[in-house]
Amino acid sequence: MKFCILIALAGVGVLFAEDATPLPDGVKIVTNGRFRIIKNFPSDVFRNTRTLFVYLPPSYDSNTSAVYPIAFFNDGTGVFHFQSPNESWDADITADRLVREGRIRECILVGVSTANRGEEYGLDRSKDYRDLLIGEILPFLTSHYRIARGPSNTAIIGSSAGGANAFHIAWNHPDDFGLAGCLSTSFWWNEHAFLKMVENGEKKPVRFWIDSGGIEFEDRDGSGISSFVEDSMDVVSAMLALGWINGTDLMFRVDPKAAHRVASWRDRLPETLTFLFGIGKTARMTNLAPVFSTRLLDRKGNLPYAALYVQAAYDNGVTGTVLPELCRIVSSDSNGFRIRDNRLSLLPGASGSRIDLRVSYAGLEAPASLEVADGDSGEVLLTVQAEAPLDSPDVIYATGGAKVLGRWQPDLALPLYLAGKSETSRFYTNTVSVKRNTFSEWKLLSGPDSRYCEVASWYDPDGTRHEGAGSMFFRAEDDTNVIRGKVGRWLDTPR
């Protein structure tokens, strides 16, 4: 017979167990090094089962009197390296490194798989998902592992729809979650319900990390700025108005070259964890590095706007983005442009081939510059290349969010024509003219009547290869742009 030994630490309010309680029927715990894989975990809330992936920190077995904060990760099947070496967040590798470097508290990390992502992350089920985490999963974990309790020790982290879920739950349940990591968050959901919620809300005792990539998905208003970035800036601006303090209990980050993909979230996770679980005194800002969302504006209005991302580096290794509305901006040609809603635009009659700025914030100052073209600089060349199996047809197609790719309508997709073959593959290409700074997610089709293929890898314009990526991203910044994808196999059914 197993016995549960419960020990209460006076004055700390922590409860933990040194031995395992009996498992519910059907539940099985598999040990894999410092991981515990909990299979068939039942939920009365959602009337289903799921797998939990638990990472225990380095000192867990040796320091048996210690308790540890906990972070729940949404989309839990791709959080740790062993789950998917090419397409995971590598949270275990990152946490181990940050602990060795003395940058974060040791934490228990829990990847929570989902049985129905669209349902479980929906805003109308947010309260139910909180009940799953706090009412079902956390009590089970607390009976088996030494977990520090309280909102300051409890985080929820997610990306995309999982980031929206994390934000919504932390916002509405600050007594449960005092820490939230919201990466590439879908703030556009439900007709921008998040922005309305914040504007009509009040300050919460929650520490938020919010970020976005500069080439995520579409540019809805044709401004040349990612709508993901614009939506995030709007929410962050509203939070600042409620009393969050930039760099203290709110860190916002725009990664200008990042797309909506796991590799980008893996790259930003070290800073996310450092901000949420960092050790030591409040981080000190050390320098500014303002950058624009484009290198070029033109007077004909084909490139009407540029977002100004004021990147701020801190002495704990974190980089955040300060909204221009918080900065003082000085220029030798202050009559030639204006900044409104975090965008820079040219004023009628402005002259000169360059805008030079100096940005000041928190006692720091840094320069930024932007080229201005007299003529029409809006059109550039985009070459799409693809490699596919030998049984592929003579013409395949690329589709995506940009107009040139049919805006996800397969019958309007861009045809790619056979250009050559090898012993193992066929090669396709096509070149089109697009508006400079056009960016999009895209996929490959075997024909206009099908939908998506399974892509084994794709390549950034600089040649960086991404393994196991289901979709590709591009931004047409240069006069000539080349993007490449490789088909692993064609799907028999639409994806």
Protein backbone atom coordinates (compact mmCIF):
# COMPACT_ATOMS: atom_id res chain seq x y z
CA MET A 1 0.00 0.00 0.00
CA LYS A 2 1.22 3.53 -0.85
CA PHE A 3 0.99 6.33 1.66
CA CYS A 4 0.86 10.04 0.92
CA ILE A 5 3.06 12.05 3.27
CA LEU A 6 1.91 15.67 3.30
CA ILE A 7 4.07 18.32 4.93
CA ALA A 8 2.94 21.90 5.52
CA LEU A 9 5.65 24.53 5.80
CA ALA A 10 4.63 27.10 8.39
CA GLY A 11 4.50 30.65 7.11
CA VAL A 12 5.05 29.60 3.50
CA GLY A 13 1.69 28.16 2.59
CA VAL A 14 3.16 25.30 0.55
CA LEU A 15 1.89 21.75 0.42
CA PHE A 16 3.78 18.91 -1.17
CA ALA A 17 4.04 15.16 -1.22
CA GLU A 18 7.16 13.03 -0.98
CA ASP A 19 5.40 9.86 -2.10
CA ALA A 20 2.86 9.20 -4.79
CA THR A 21 -0.82 8.86 -4.07
CA PRO A 22 -2.75 6.05 -5.75
CA LEU A 23 -3.38 6.79 -9.42
CA PRO A 24 -6.87 7.17 -10.90
CA ASP A 25 -8.06 4.24 -13.00
CA GLY A 26 -6.28 4.07 -16.34
CA VAL A 27 -3.64 6.69 -15.51
CA LYS A 28 -0.04 5.64 -15.99
CA ILE A 29 3.16 7.55 -15.15
CA VAL A 30 6.20 6.77 -17.31
CA THR A 31 9.63 7.93 -16.12
CA ASN A 32 12.08 9.19 -18.74
CA GLY A 33 15.09 10.70 -16.97
CA ARG A 34 13.84 13.88 -15.30
CA PHE A 35 10.59 13.69 -17.23
CA ARG A 36 7.35 12.16 -16.05
CA ILE A 37 4.86 11.32 -18.80
CA ILE A 38 1.37 11.04 -17.34
CA LYS A 39 -0.87 9.15 -19.75
CA ASN A 40 -4.66 9.06 -19.91
CA PHE A 41 -5.19 11.87 -17.43
CA PRO A 42 -8.98 12.24 -17.11
CA SER A 43 -10.90 15.52 -17.17
CA ASP A 44 -14.44 15.76 -15.88
CA VAL A 45 -14.59 19.32 -17.22
CA PHE A 46 -13.99 18.37 -20.85
CA ARG A 47 -15.05 14.72 -20.56
CA ASN A 48 -11.87 13.44 -22.20
CA THR A 49 -8.34 12.33 -21.40
CA ARG A 50 -4.95 13.79 -22.28
CA THR A 51 -1.22 13.34 -21.74
CA LEU A 52 0.79 15.55 -19.40
CA PHE A 53 4.53 15.96 -19.90
CA VAL A 54 6.29 16.98 -16.67
CA TYR A 55 9.86 18.31 -16.58
CA LEU A 56 11.53 18.22 -13.15
CA PRO A 57 14.35 20.71 -12.54
CA PRO A 58 18.01 19.71 -12.08
CA SER A 59 18.05 19.74 -8.26
CA TYR A 60 14.69 18.04 -7.79
CA ASP A 61 16.03 14.64 -6.67
CA SER A 62 18.96 15.97 -4.63
CA ASN A 63 17.29 18.89 -2.85
CA THR A 64 14.35 17.04 -1.35
CA SER A 65 13.24 19.90 0.89
CA ALA A 66 12.81 22.37 -1.99
CA VAL A 67 9.54 23.32 -3.64
CA TYR A 68 9.37 24.72 -7.15
CA PRO A 69 7.23 27.15 -9.12
CA ILE A 70 5.26 25.68 -11.99
CA ALA A 71 4.64 26.74 -15.58
CA PHE A 72 1.87 25.21 -17.68
CA PHE A 73 2.56 25.15 -21.42
CA ASN A 74 -0.31 24.99 -23.88
CA ASP A 75 0.09 22.76 -26.96
CA GLY A 76 2.08 20.48 -24.70
CA THR A 77 3.13 17.88 -27.28
CA GLY A 78 5.81 20.17 -28.76
CA VAL A 79 7.35 21.75 -25.66
CA PHE A 80 10.35 19.50 -24.95
CA HIS A 81 13.21 18.39 -27.17
CA PHE A 82 12.54 14.63 -26.93
CA GLN A 83 8.99 15.14 -28.22
CA SER A 84 10.08 16.60 -31.58
CA PRO A 85 13.78 17.42 -31.98
CA ASN A 86 13.26 19.60 -35.06
CA GLU A 87 9.97 21.26 -34.16
CA SER A 88 9.79 21.78 -30.39
CA TRP A 89 10.31 24.72 -28.05
CA ASP A 90 13.25 22.90 -26.39
CA ALA A 91 11.96 24.24 -23.06
CA ASP A 92 13.93 21.64 -21.10
CA ILE A 93 17.24 22.56 -22.76
CA THR A 94 16.53 26.26 -22.29
CA ALA A 95 15.51 25.93 -18.64
CA ASP A 96 18.57 23.82 -17.80
CA ARG A 97 20.87 26.39 -19.39
CA LEU A 98 19.25 29.37 -17.68
CA VAL A 99 19.47 27.60 -14.32
CA ARG A 100 23.19 26.85 -14.87
CA GLU A 101 23.75 30.50 -15.72
CA GLY A 102 21.94 31.59 -12.55
CA ARG A 103 19.35 33.57 -14.51
CA ILE A 104 16.09 31.89 -13.44
CA ARG A 105 14.56 30.00 -10.54
CA GLU A 106 14.34 26.27 -11.02
CA CYS A 107 10.83 25.42 -12.20
CA ILE A 108 8.59 22.47 -12.89
CA LEU A 109 7.41 22.74 -16.49
CA VAL A 110 4.25 20.94 -17.62
CA GLY A 111 3.25 20.43 -21.24
CA VAL A 112 -0.53 19.99 -21.39
CA SER A 113 -1.75 18.24 -24.52
CA THR A 114 -5.13 19.14 -25.96
CA ALA A 115 -7.80 16.79 -27.22
CA ASN A 116 -9.62 19.48 -29.23
CA ARG A 117 -7.58 22.65 -29.62
CA GLY A 118 -10.28 24.80 -31.19
CA GLU A 119 -12.75 23.96 -28.45
CA GLU A 120 -10.45 24.01 -25.43
CA TYR A 121 -8.71 27.30 -26.33
CA GLY A 122 -11.92 29.08 -27.32
CA LEU A 123 -12.77 32.15 -25.27
CA ASP A 124 -16.13 30.69 -24.34
CA ARG A 125 -14.33 27.75 -22.69
CA SER A 126 -11.66 29.83 -20.94
CA LYS A 127 -13.22 29.32 -17.50
CA ASP A 128 -13.42 25.57 -18.16
CA TYR A 129 -9.76 25.45 -19.19
CA ARG A 130 -8.80 27.28 -16.00
CA ASP A 131 -10.81 24.67 -14.06
CA LEU A 132 -8.93 21.91 -15.89
CA LEU A 133 -5.54 23.38 -14.92
CA ILE A 134 -6.27 24.60 -11.40
CA GLY A 135 -9.09 22.28 -10.35
CA GLU A 136 -7.94 18.99 -11.89
CA ILE A 137 -4.31 18.94 -13.07
CA LEU A 138 -2.66 21.04 -10.34
CA PRO A 139 -4.13 19.06 -7.39
CA PHE A 140 -2.97 15.83 -9.02
CA LEU A 141 0.54 17.19 -9.61
CA THR A 142 0.72 18.65 -6.11
CA SER A 143 -0.03 15.22 -4.66
CA HIS A 144 2.94 13.77 -6.52
CA TYR A 145 5.52 16.56 -6.85
CA ARG A 146 6.85 19.38 -4.66
CA ILE A 147 5.15 22.45 -6.09
CA ALA A 148 5.21 25.97 -4.64
CA ARG A 149 1.72 27.41 -4.50
CA GLY A 150 0.27 30.83 -5.13
CA PRO A 151 -0.07 33.03 -8.22
CA SER A 152 3.50 34.36 -7.99
CA ASN A 153 4.68 30.77 -8.48
CA THR A 154 2.21 29.78 -11.21
CA ALA A 155 2.60 30.62 -14.90
CA ILE A 156 0.70 29.83 -18.07
CA ILE A 157 2.56 30.03 -21.39
CA GLY A 158 1.35 29.60 -24.95
CA SER A 159 1.66 30.75 -28.55
CA SER A 160 -0.86 31.77 -31.20
CA ALA A 161 -4.25 30.46 -30.04
CA GLY A 162 -2.45 29.02 -27.01
CA GLY A 163 -1.12 32.52 -26.29
CA ALA A 164 -4.64 33.93 -26.52
CA ASN A 165 -5.80 31.27 -24.08
CA ALA A 166 -2.93 32.10 -21.70
CA PHE A 167 -3.66 35.84 -21.80
CA HIS A 168 -7.39 35.42 -21.31
CA ILE A 169 -7.02 33.01 -18.37
CA ALA A 170 -4.38 35.09 -16.57
CA TRP A 171 -6.39 38.26 -17.12
CA ASN A 172 -9.57 36.76 -15.71
CA HIS A 173 -8.00 34.60 -12.98
CA PRO A 174 -5.11 36.57 -11.42
CA ASP A 175 -5.66 34.78 -8.09
CA ASP A 176 -4.51 31.59 -9.85
CA PHE A 177 -1.95 32.81 -12.37
CA GLY A 178 0.42 35.66 -11.56
CA LEU A 179 2.69 35.01 -14.55
CA ALA A 180 1.76 34.74 -18.24
CA GLY A 181 3.84 34.22 -21.37
CA CYS A 182 1.86 35.15 -24.48
CA LEU A 183 3.88 34.57 -27.66
CA SER A 184 2.51 35.54 -31.10
CA THR A 185 -0.90 35.91 -29.53
CA SER A 186 -4.02 35.89 -31.70
CA PHE A 187 -5.36 39.16 -30.33
CA TRP A 188 -7.59 39.51 -33.41
CA TRP A 189 -9.91 36.75 -32.16
CA ASN A 190 -13.61 37.48 -31.75
CA GLU A 191 -13.39 40.86 -33.48
CA HIS A 192 -10.57 42.09 -31.23
CA ALA A 193 -12.32 41.04 -28.03
CA PHE A 194 -9.00 41.19 -26.16
CA LEU A 195 -8.47 44.89 -26.83
CA LYS A 196 -12.03 45.66 -25.75
CA MET A 197 -11.54 43.56 -22.62
CA VAL A 198 -8.39 45.46 -21.67
CA GLU A 199 -9.79 48.91 -22.49
CA ASN A 200 -12.81 48.19 -20.28
CA GLY A 201 -10.77 46.47 -17.55
CA GLU A 202 -8.49 47.37 -14.70
CA LYS A 203 -4.93 46.66 -13.62
CA LYS A 204 -4.29 43.06 -12.55
CA PRO A 205 -1.49 41.68 -10.33
CA VAL A 206 -0.10 39.66 -13.25
CA ARG A 207 3.34 39.85 -14.84
CA PHE A 208 2.91 39.57 -18.64
CA TRP A 209 5.37 38.72 -21.41
CA ILE A 210 3.80 39.60 -24.80
CA ASP A 211 5.59 39.30 -28.15
CA SER A 212 5.09 39.11 -31.88
CA GLY A 213 7.10 38.46 -35.02
CA GLY A 214 7.49 41.12 -37.69
CA ILE A 215 6.43 38.87 -40.58
CA GLU A 216 3.56 36.99 -38.98
CA PHE A 217 0.65 36.31 -41.28
CA GLU A 218 -1.08 39.09 -43.13
CA ASP A 219 -1.03 42.84 -43.43
CA ARG A 220 -4.77 43.52 -43.29
CA ASP A 221 -4.67 47.27 -43.93
CA GLY A 222 -1.85 47.35 -46.47
CA SER A 223 0.39 49.40 -44.18
CA GLY A 224 3.41 47.15 -44.65
CA ILE A 225 3.21 46.21 -40.96
CA SER A 226 2.16 42.80 -39.67
CA SER A 227 -1.39 42.87 -38.33
CA PHE A 228 -0.17 40.60 -35.50
CA VAL A 229 2.27 43.33 -34.48
CA GLU A 230 -0.34 46.09 -34.74
CA ASP A 231 -2.87 44.13 -32.68
CA SER A 232 -0.24 43.40 -30.01
CA MET A 233 0.83 47.05 -29.85
CA ASP A 234 -2.78 48.13 -29.38
CA VAL A 235 -3.26 45.73 -26.44
CA VAL A 236 0.06 46.68 -24.85
CA SER A 237 -0.72 50.39 -25.20
CA ALA A 238 -4.05 49.85 -23.45
CA MET A 239 -2.33 47.90 -20.65
CA LEU A 240 0.18 50.70 -20.11
CA ALA A 241 -2.72 53.13 -19.80
CA LEU A 242 -4.13 50.93 -17.00
CA GLY A 243 -0.89 51.11 -15.02
CA TRP A 244 1.38 48.28 -16.14
CA ILE A 245 4.99 49.46 -16.14
CA ASN A 246 7.13 48.74 -19.16
CA GLY A 247 10.01 46.40 -18.24
CA THR A 248 8.70 45.80 -14.71
CA ASP A 249 5.45 43.84 -14.84
CA LEU A 250 4.98 43.99 -18.61
CA MET A 251 7.56 43.14 -21.25
CA PHE A 252 6.66 43.57 -24.91
CA ARG A 253 8.87 42.32 -27.71
CA VAL A 254 8.71 42.61 -31.48
CA ASP A 255 11.15 40.34 -33.28
CA PRO A 256 11.25 42.07 -36.70
CA LYS A 257 12.48 39.09 -38.74
CA ALA A 258 10.44 36.38 -36.97
CA ALA A 259 7.57 34.39 -38.47
CA HIS A 260 4.68 32.50 -36.90
CA ARG A 261 6.48 29.24 -36.21
CA VAL A 262 7.90 27.07 -33.46
CA ALA A 263 11.50 28.04 -34.23
CA SER A 264 10.69 31.69 -33.46
CA TRP A 265 9.01 30.80 -30.15
CA ARG A 266 11.98 28.60 -29.24
CA ASP A 267 14.31 31.55 -29.92
CA ARG A 268 12.31 33.89 -27.66
CA LEU A 269 11.63 31.41 -24.85
CA PRO A 270 14.90 32.12 -22.95
CA GLU A 271 13.89 35.76 -22.55
CA THR A 272 10.30 34.81 -21.72
CA LEU A 273 11.42 32.54 -18.88
CA THR A 274 14.01 35.07 -17.69
CA PHE A 275 11.38 37.79 -17.42
CA LEU A 276 8.84 35.54 -15.68
CA PHE A 277 11.17 33.58 -13.37
CA GLY A 278 14.30 35.71 -13.22
CA ILE A 279 16.61 35.81 -10.21
CA GLY A 280 17.97 38.94 -8.60
CA LYS A 281 17.19 42.62 -8.65
CA THR A 282 14.99 44.34 -11.21
CA ALA A 283 16.72 44.33 -14.58
CA ARG A 284 18.37 47.58 -15.67
CA MET A 285 18.02 48.91 -19.22
CA THR A 286 21.45 49.31 -20.78
CA ASN A 287 20.91 50.57 -24.33
CA LEU A 288 18.39 51.36 -27.08
CA ALA A 289 18.44 50.17 -30.69
CA PRO A 290 15.57 51.64 -32.73
CA VAL A 291 14.74 49.78 -35.95
CA PHE A 292 12.06 50.26 -38.58
CA SER A 293 9.77 47.62 -40.06
CA THR A 294 11.08 48.57 -43.52
CA ARG A 295 14.27 50.09 -44.87
CA LEU A 296 12.45 52.34 -47.33
CA LEU A 297 9.48 54.66 -47.80
CA ASP A 298 8.48 56.32 -51.09
CA ARG A 299 6.74 59.58 -51.91
CA LYS A 300 4.16 57.96 -54.19
CA GLY A 301 2.58 56.20 -51.25
CA ASN A 302 3.25 52.60 -52.31
CA LEU A 303 5.13 52.21 -49.04
CA PRO A 304 3.19 54.63 -46.86
CA TYR A 305 4.16 53.59 -43.35
CA ALA A 306 6.95 52.20 -41.24
CA ALA A 307 6.57 50.84 -37.73
CA LEU A 308 9.22 52.04 -35.29
CA TYR A 309 10.43 49.27 -32.97
CA VAL A 310 12.51 50.77 -30.16
CA GLN A 311 14.47 47.76 -28.95
CA ALA A 312 15.66 48.04 -25.36
CA ALA A 313 18.36 45.72 -23.99
CA TYR A 314 18.47 44.86 -20.28
CA ASP A 315 21.38 43.63 -18.19
CA ASN A 316 19.69 40.25 -17.59
CA GLY A 317 19.85 39.36 -21.28
CA VAL A 318 16.26 40.28 -22.12
CA THR A 319 15.37 42.54 -25.05
CA GLY A 320 12.05 44.34 -25.05
CA THR A 321 10.36 46.75 -27.44
CA VAL A 322 9.33 50.17 -26.15
CA LEU A 323 6.32 51.72 -27.85
CA PRO A 324 7.19 55.00 -29.61
CA GLU A 325 4.43 56.73 -27.59
CA LEU A 326 6.65 56.31 -24.51
CA CYS A 327 9.72 57.82 -26.19
CA ARG A 328 10.87 61.30 -27.06
CA ILE A 329 11.74 61.47 -30.76
CA VAL A 330 13.97 64.21 -32.12
CA SER A 331 14.86 64.81 -35.77
CA SER A 332 16.68 67.40 -37.83
CA ASP A 333 13.72 67.25 -40.22
CA SER A 334 10.79 67.06 -37.83
CA ASN A 335 8.43 68.65 -40.40
CA GLY A 336 8.94 65.85 -42.92
CA PHE A 337 7.10 63.07 -41.12
CA ARG A 338 4.78 62.25 -38.29
CA ILE A 339 4.41 59.37 -35.87
CA ARG A 340 0.90 58.33 -34.95
CA ASP A 341 -0.36 54.99 -33.59
CA ASN A 342 3.29 53.80 -33.50
CA ARG A 343 3.67 54.33 -37.27
CA LEU A 344 5.90 56.76 -39.10
CA SER A 345 4.55 58.30 -42.30
CA LEU A 346 5.72 61.04 -44.67
CA LEU A 347 3.93 64.38 -44.70
CA PRO A 348 2.83 65.99 -47.99
CA GLY A 349 5.59 68.08 -49.47
CA ALA A 350 8.33 66.40 -47.48
CA SER A 351 11.74 66.46 -49.15
CA GLY A 352 15.04 64.70 -48.75
CA SER A 353 16.22 61.16 -49.34
CA ARG A 354 16.61 60.15 -45.73
CA ILE A 355 14.98 60.58 -42.33
CA ASP A 356 17.35 60.68 -39.38
CA LEU A 357 15.97 60.35 -35.86
CA ARG A 358 17.22 60.26 -32.34
CA VAL A 359 15.09 58.31 -29.89
CA SER A 360 15.26 59.02 -26.16
CA TYR A 361 13.83 56.87 -23.38
CA ALA A 362 14.66 56.32 -19.71
CA GLY A 363 17.80 58.45 -19.92
CA LEU A 364 19.15 56.58 -22.97
CA GLU A 365 19.37 57.85 -26.54
CA ALA A 366 20.04 56.18 -29.91
CA PRO A 367 19.86 57.05 -33.63
CA ALA A 368 17.65 55.55 -36.35
CA SER A 369 17.41 56.27 -40.06
CA LEU A 370 15.10 55.49 -42.95
CA GLU A 371 15.62 55.93 -46.70
CA VAL A 372 13.05 57.81 -48.77
CA ALA A 373 12.70 57.18 -52.52
CA ASP A 374 11.44 59.85 -54.94
CA GLY A 375 10.06 57.38 -57.47
CA ASP A 376 7.92 54.26 -57.32
CA SER A 377 9.89 51.76 -55.25
CA GLY A 378 6.94 49.57 -54.43
CA GLU A 379 7.44 46.68 -56.88
CA VAL A 380 10.09 44.00 -56.46
CA LEU A 381 10.68 40.51 -57.87
CA LEU A 382 9.74 37.38 -55.94
CA THR A 383 10.95 33.98 -57.14
CA VAL A 384 9.25 30.95 -55.62
CA GLN A 385 11.16 27.66 -55.89
CA ALA A 386 10.06 24.21 -54.79
CA GLU A 387 11.41 20.67 -54.68
CA ALA A 388 8.90 17.81 -54.80
CA PRO A 389 8.83 13.99 -55.19
CA LEU A 390 9.24 12.40 -58.62
CA ASP A 391 5.55 11.47 -58.84
CA SER A 392 4.53 15.14 -58.72
CA PRO A 393 2.67 16.73 -61.68
CA ASP A 394 4.33 19.08 -64.17
CA VAL A 395 2.72 22.11 -62.51
CA ILE A 396 2.29 22.58 -58.76
CA TYR A 397 0.97 25.62 -56.90
CA ALA A 398 1.82 27.97 -54.05
CA THR A 399 -0.97 29.56 -52.05
CA GLY A 400 -1.02 31.82 -49.02
CA GLY A 401 -2.17 35.04 -47.43
CA ALA A 402 -0.74 37.44 -50.03
CA LYS A 403 -2.75 38.56 -53.05
CA VAL A 404 -0.23 37.06 -55.47
CA LEU A 405 -0.81 33.66 -53.80
CA GLY A 406 -4.60 33.85 -54.04
CA ARG A 407 -5.29 34.66 -50.39
CA TRP A 408 -5.69 30.96 -49.55
CA GLN A 409 -8.00 30.26 -52.49
CA PRO A 410 -6.51 27.21 -54.26
CA ASP A 411 -8.07 28.10 -57.62
CA LEU A 412 -6.20 31.45 -57.53
CA ALA A 413 -2.87 29.99 -56.38
CA LEU A 414 0.41 30.83 -58.09
CA PRO A 415 1.48 28.10 -60.58
CA LEU A 416 5.04 26.79 -60.30
CA TYR A 417 6.41 25.24 -63.50
CA LEU A 418 8.73 22.26 -63.90
CA ALA A 419 12.29 23.49 -64.36
CA GLY A 420 14.32 20.30 -63.94
CA LYS A 421 14.69 17.02 -62.08
CA SER A 422 17.20 14.74 -60.40
CA GLU A 423 17.17 11.06 -59.52
CA THR A 424 15.04 11.78 -56.45
CA SER A 425 13.18 15.05 -57.02
CA ARG A 426 11.51 17.43 -59.44
CA PHE A 427 12.20 21.19 -59.28
CA TYR A 428 9.75 24.03 -59.92
CA THR A 429 9.88 27.80 -60.14
CA ASN A 430 8.04 30.98 -61.06
CA THR A 431 8.87 34.67 -60.71
CA VAL A 432 6.31 37.41 -60.11
CA SER A 433 6.28 41.10 -59.28
CA VAL A 434 4.94 42.02 -55.83
CA LYS A 435 4.69 45.10 -53.68
CA ARG A 436 7.82 45.65 -51.61
CA ASN A 437 7.42 44.41 -48.03
CA THR A 438 4.68 41.97 -49.03
CA PHE A 439 4.76 39.15 -46.51
CA SER A 440 2.74 36.02 -46.05
CA GLU A 441 2.47 32.51 -44.79
CA TRP A 442 2.30 30.07 -47.71
CA LYS A 443 2.00 26.39 -48.52
CA LEU A 444 2.36 24.19 -51.60
CA LEU A 445 -0.43 22.39 -53.49
CA SER A 446 -0.30 19.45 -55.86
CA GLY A 447 -3.17 20.99 -57.83
CA PRO A 448 -5.88 23.67 -57.68
CA ASP A 449 -8.47 21.15 -56.48
CA SER A 450 -6.37 20.09 -53.49
CA ARG A 451 -5.39 22.09 -50.45
CA TYR A 452 -2.01 21.72 -48.73
CA CYS A 453 0.96 19.44 -48.92
CA GLU A 454 3.17 18.19 -46.16
CA VAL A 455 6.35 20.25 -46.32
CA ALA A 456 9.54 18.64 -45.08
CA SER A 457 11.51 21.86 -44.94
CA TRP A 458 11.73 25.40 -46.19
CA TYR A 459 14.42 28.05 -46.51
CA ASP A 460 14.67 31.68 -45.49
CA PRO A 461 15.99 34.12 -48.09
CA ASP A 462 19.38 33.95 -46.33
CA GLY A 463 19.47 30.16 -46.83
CA THR A 464 18.53 29.15 -43.27
CA ARG A 465 16.75 25.80 -43.43
CA HIS A 466 13.77 24.93 -41.25
CA GLU A 467 13.11 21.23 -40.85
CA GLY A 468 9.66 19.79 -40.39
CA ALA A 469 7.85 23.06 -41.06
CA GLY A 470 4.24 22.72 -42.20
CA SER A 471 4.17 26.18 -43.77
CA MET A 472 6.56 28.82 -45.01
CA PHE A 473 6.89 32.58 -44.54
CA PHE A 474 8.45 35.34 -46.57
CA ARG A 475 8.89 39.07 -46.68
CA ALA A 476 9.82 40.68 -50.01
CA GLU A 477 12.17 43.42 -48.81
CA ASP A 478 14.89 43.36 -51.46
CA ASP A 479 14.79 44.17 -55.18
CA THR A 480 15.10 40.44 -55.89
CA ASN A 481 13.77 37.85 -53.41
CA VAL A 482 14.00 34.05 -53.53
CA ILE A 483 12.02 31.68 -51.29
CA ARG A 484 12.26 27.88 -51.39
CA GLY A 485 10.23 24.99 -50.05
CA LYS A 486 10.59 21.22 -50.15
CA VAL A 487 7.69 18.77 -50.23
CA GLY A 488 8.12 15.67 -48.09
CA ARG A 489 5.02 13.97 -49.47
CA TRP A 490 1.68 15.00 -50.91
CA LEU A 491 -1.27 14.46 -48.63
CA ASP A 492 -4.06 12.18 -49.84
CA THR A 493 -6.67 14.35 -48.12
CA PRO A 494 -6.84 18.10 -47.60
CA ARG A 495 -5.02 19.36 -44.54
